[in-house]
Amino acid sequence: MRGWLFSGTNKPLELIEKEDPKAIPGHVVIDVKAAGLCHSDVAALQDPGWMPLFPNGPVILGHEFAGVVIEVGEGVEGIKVGDRVGANPMDRATKITAGYNYDGGYAEKVRVPAHQCVIS
């Protein structure tokens, strides 16, 4: 899959190829159809004060997106392959304890916790 990699403030996003995400327990994989451009993504591109949100190195940004579920992990209930969902996989605990620890919606596909999806 392709995605736009963020590697630091004042650096352009880089279009990369990487392996497709796979579902793990409690998560789904979404084929991204639309992604919002959040002020935090824009700010991170220009303000080094946002870098503590990215302790795990380069990451694909985008935490406001929608698409179609293409894979469902073990233990997921209420969401199935083919469901259209919106997602915002950036809860308060994630921001405080781990920052962005996942790839986001500026990619063709993304894995997210199922409980952070809303069926549309």
C-alpha atoms as a PDB file:
ATOM      1  CA  MET A   1       0.000   0.000   0.000  1.00  0.00           C
ATOM      2  CA  ARG A   2       1.003   3.628  -0.309  1.00  0.00           C
ATOM      3  CA  GLY A   3       0.931   6.248   2.406  1.00  0.00           C
ATOM      4  CA  TRP A   4       2.258   9.719   3.260  1.00  0.00           C
ATOM      5  CA  LEU A   5       5.034   9.401   5.857  1.00  0.00           C
ATOM      6  CA  PHE A   6       5.682  12.146   8.417  1.00  0.00           C
ATOM      7  CA  SER A   7       9.258  12.094   9.684  1.00  0.00           C
ATOM      8  CA  GLY A   8       9.537  15.487  11.362  1.00  0.00           C
ATOM      9  CA  THR A   9       8.710  19.161  11.536  1.00  0.00           C
ATOM     10  CA  ASN A  10       9.661  21.246   8.494  1.00  0.00           C
ATOM     11  CA  LYS A  11      10.159  18.123   6.386  1.00  0.00           C
ATOM     12  CA  PRO A  12       7.841  17.342   3.482  1.00  0.00           C
ATOM     13  CA  LEU A  13       5.629  14.280   3.704  1.00  0.00           C
ATOM     14  CA  GLU A  14       7.080  11.387   1.705  1.00  0.00           C
ATOM     15  CA  LEU A  15       4.957   9.027  -0.386  1.00  0.00           C
ATOM     16  CA  ILE A  16       6.082   5.520   0.557  1.00  0.00           C
ATOM     17  CA  GLU A  17       5.195   1.916  -0.174  1.00  0.00           C
ATOM     18  CA  LYS A  18       4.798  -0.463   2.748  1.00  0.00           C
ATOM     19  CA  GLU A  19       3.193  -3.767   3.619  1.00  0.00           C
ATOM     20  CA  ASP A  20      -0.582  -3.800   4.015  1.00  0.00           C
ATOM     21  CA  PRO A  21      -1.753  -3.777   7.639  1.00  0.00           C
ATOM     22  CA  LYS A  22      -3.176  -7.018   9.029  1.00  0.00           C
ATOM     23  CA  ALA A  23      -5.994  -7.337  11.538  1.00  0.00           C
ATOM     24  CA  ILE A  24      -5.007  -8.225  15.089  1.00  0.00           C
ATOM     25  CA  PRO A  25      -7.340  -9.034  18.001  1.00  0.00           C
ATOM     26  CA  GLY A  26      -9.760  -6.194  18.713  1.00  0.00           C
ATOM     27  CA  HIS A  27      -8.883  -4.284  15.510  1.00  0.00           C
ATOM     28  CA  VAL A  28     -10.176  -3.910  11.970  1.00  0.00           C
ATOM     29  CA  VAL A  29      -8.447  -2.998   8.722  1.00  0.00           C
ATOM     30  CA  ILE A  30     -10.083  -0.228   6.714  1.00  0.00           C
ATOM     31  CA  ASP A  31      -9.729   0.536   3.013  1.00  0.00           C
ATOM     32  CA  VAL A  32      -9.558   4.329   3.324  1.00  0.00           C
ATOM     33  CA  LYS A  33     -11.951   6.271   1.088  1.00  0.00           C
ATOM     34  CA  ALA A  34     -11.662   9.762   2.657  1.00  0.00           C
ATOM     35  CA  ALA A  35      -9.412  11.474   5.208  1.00  0.00           C
ATOM     36  CA  GLY A  36      -9.790  14.798   6.964  1.00  0.00           C
ATOM     37  CA  LEU A  37      -6.957  17.282   7.280  1.00  0.00           C
ATOM     38  CA  CYS A  38      -6.823  18.069  10.995  1.00  0.00           C
ATOM     39  CA  HIS A  39      -5.199  21.184  12.450  1.00  0.00           C
ATOM     40  CA  SER A  40      -2.886  18.943  14.511  1.00  0.00           C
ATOM     41  CA  ASP A  41      -1.513  17.335  11.349  1.00  0.00           C
ATOM     42  CA  VAL A  42      -0.874  20.735   9.793  1.00  0.00           C
ATOM     43  CA  ALA A  43       0.653  22.069  13.012  1.00  0.00           C
ATOM     44  CA  ALA A  44       3.008  19.089  13.308  1.00  0.00           C
ATOM     45  CA  LEU A  45       4.407  19.923   9.883  1.00  0.00           C
ATOM     46  CA  GLN A  46       5.448  23.398  11.038  1.00  0.00           C
ATOM     47  CA  ASP A  47       5.709  23.475  14.859  1.00  0.00           C
ATOM     48  CA  PRO A  48       8.287  21.310  16.695  1.00  0.00           C
ATOM     49  CA  GLY A  49       6.166  21.604  19.850  1.00  0.00           C
ATOM     50  CA  TRP A  50       3.962  18.847  18.422  1.00  0.00           C
ATOM     51  CA  MET A  51       6.810  16.307  18.144  1.00  0.00           C
ATOM     52  CA  PRO A  52       6.208  14.710  21.600  1.00  0.00           C
ATOM     53  CA  LEU A  53       3.041  13.211  20.062  1.00  0.00           C
ATOM     54  CA  PHE A  54       5.262  11.126  17.780  1.00  0.00           C
ATOM     55  CA  PRO A  55       7.666   9.245  20.097  1.00  0.00           C
ATOM     56  CA  ASN A  56       7.687   6.133  17.926  1.00  0.00           C
ATOM     57  CA  GLY A  57       9.393   7.687  14.936  1.00  0.00           C
ATOM     58  CA  PRO A  58       8.109   8.234  11.429  1.00  0.00           C
ATOM     59  CA  VAL A  59       4.380   7.654  11.067  1.00  0.00           C
ATOM     60  CA  ILE A  60       1.633   8.059   8.516  1.00  0.00           C
ATOM     61  CA  LEU A  61      -0.562  10.914   9.760  1.00  0.00           C
ATOM     62  CA  GLY A  62      -4.331  11.216   9.577  1.00  0.00           C
ATOM     63  CA  HIS A  63      -6.620  10.385  12.481  1.00  0.00           C
ATOM     64  CA  GLU A  64      -9.925  11.476  10.931  1.00  0.00           C
ATOM     65  CA  PHE A  65     -10.927   9.122   8.138  1.00  0.00           C
ATOM     66  CA  ALA A  66     -13.614   6.868   6.724  1.00  0.00           C
ATOM     67  CA  GLY A  67     -13.683   3.792   4.567  1.00  0.00           C
ATOM     68  CA  VAL A  68     -14.777   0.193   4.165  1.00  0.00           C
ATOM     69  CA  VAL A  69     -13.813  -2.621   6.543  1.00  0.00           C
ATOM     70  CA  ILE A  70     -11.778  -5.243   4.667  1.00  0.00           C
ATOM     71  CA  GLU A  71     -10.561  -7.392   7.556  1.00  0.00           C
ATOM     72  CA  VAL A  72     -11.807  -8.050  11.108  1.00  0.00           C
ATOM     73  CA  GLY A  73      -9.611  -9.213  13.971  1.00  0.00           C
ATOM     74  CA  GLU A  74     -10.407 -11.880  16.520  1.00  0.00           C
ATOM     75  CA  GLY A  75     -12.885 -10.831  19.180  1.00  0.00           C
ATOM     76  CA  VAL A  76     -14.425  -7.960  17.217  1.00  0.00           C
ATOM     77  CA  GLU A  77     -18.208  -7.899  17.490  1.00  0.00           C
ATOM     78  CA  GLY A  78     -20.703  -5.658  15.718  1.00  0.00           C
ATOM     79  CA  ILE A  79     -18.450  -4.824  12.759  1.00  0.00           C
ATOM     80  CA  LYS A  80     -18.056  -7.000   9.684  1.00  0.00           C
ATOM     81  CA  VAL A  81     -16.235  -6.968   6.370  1.00  0.00           C
ATOM     82  CA  GLY A  82     -18.020  -4.581   4.018  1.00  0.00           C
ATOM     83  CA  ASP A  83     -19.231  -2.172   6.704  1.00  0.00           C
ATOM     84  CA  ARG A  84     -18.657   1.505   5.983  1.00  0.00           C
ATOM     85  CA  VAL A  85     -17.097   3.166   9.007  1.00  0.00           C
ATOM     86  CA  GLY A  86     -15.709   6.426  10.238  1.00  0.00           C
ATOM     87  CA  ALA A  87     -12.788   6.309  12.672  1.00  0.00           C
ATOM     88  CA  ASN A  88     -10.870   8.542  15.014  1.00  0.00           C
ATOM     89  CA  PRO A  89      -8.289   6.236  16.634  1.00  0.00           C
ATOM     90  CA  MET A  90      -6.800   8.885  18.899  1.00  0.00           C
ATOM     91  CA  ASP A  91      -8.244   8.564  22.367  1.00  0.00           C
ATOM     92  CA  ARG A  92      -7.011  10.586  25.323  1.00  0.00           C
ATOM     93  CA  ALA A  93      -5.018   7.675  26.792  1.00  0.00           C
ATOM     94  CA  THR A  94      -3.212   7.118  23.502  1.00  0.00           C
ATOM     95  CA  LYS A  95      -2.235  10.780  23.217  1.00  0.00           C
ATOM     96  CA  ILE A  96      -0.943  10.949  26.777  1.00  0.00           C
ATOM     97  CA  THR A  97       0.856   7.623  27.094  1.00  0.00           C
ATOM     98  CA  ALA A  98       2.041   6.708  23.645  1.00  0.00           C
ATOM     99  CA  GLY A  99       1.437   9.496  21.147  1.00  0.00           C
ATOM    100  CA  TYR A 100       0.753   8.369  17.621  1.00  0.00           C
ATOM    101  CA  ASN A 101       1.603   4.682  17.794  1.00  0.00           C
ATOM    102  CA  TYR A 102      -0.156   3.609  14.613  1.00  0.00           C
ATOM    103  CA  ASP A 103      -0.267   4.581  10.970  1.00  0.00           C
ATOM    104  CA  GLY A 104      -3.152   6.833  10.055  1.00  0.00           C
ATOM    105  CA  GLY A 105      -5.604   7.607   7.304  1.00  0.00           C
ATOM    106  CA  TYR A 106      -3.208   9.298   4.884  1.00  0.00           C
ATOM    107  CA  ALA A 107      -2.673   5.806   3.534  1.00  0.00           C
ATOM    108  CA  GLU A 108      -4.632   3.453   1.360  1.00  0.00           C
ATOM    109  CA  LYS A 109      -5.348   1.085   4.267  1.00  0.00           C
ATOM    110  CA  VAL A 110      -5.150   1.382   8.047  1.00  0.00           C
ATOM    111  CA  ARG A 111      -5.607  -0.845  11.095  1.00  0.00           C
ATOM    112  CA  VAL A 112      -7.549   0.673  14.000  1.00  0.00           C
ATOM    113  CA  PRO A 113      -9.129  -0.458  17.268  1.00  0.00           C
ATOM    114  CA  ALA A 114     -12.669  -1.597  16.488  1.00  0.00           C
ATOM    115  CA  HIS A 115     -14.143   0.334  19.429  1.00  0.00           C
ATOM    116  CA  GLN A 116     -13.040   3.580  17.782  1.00  0.00           C
ATOM    117  CA  CYS A 117     -15.077   2.947  14.627  1.00  0.00           C
ATOM    118  CA  VAL A 118     -18.595   4.170  13.937  1.00  0.00           C
ATOM    119  CA  ILE A 119     -20.667   2.342  11.342  1.00  0.00           C
ATOM    120  CA  SER A 120     -22.143   4.788   8.847  1.00  0.00           C
END
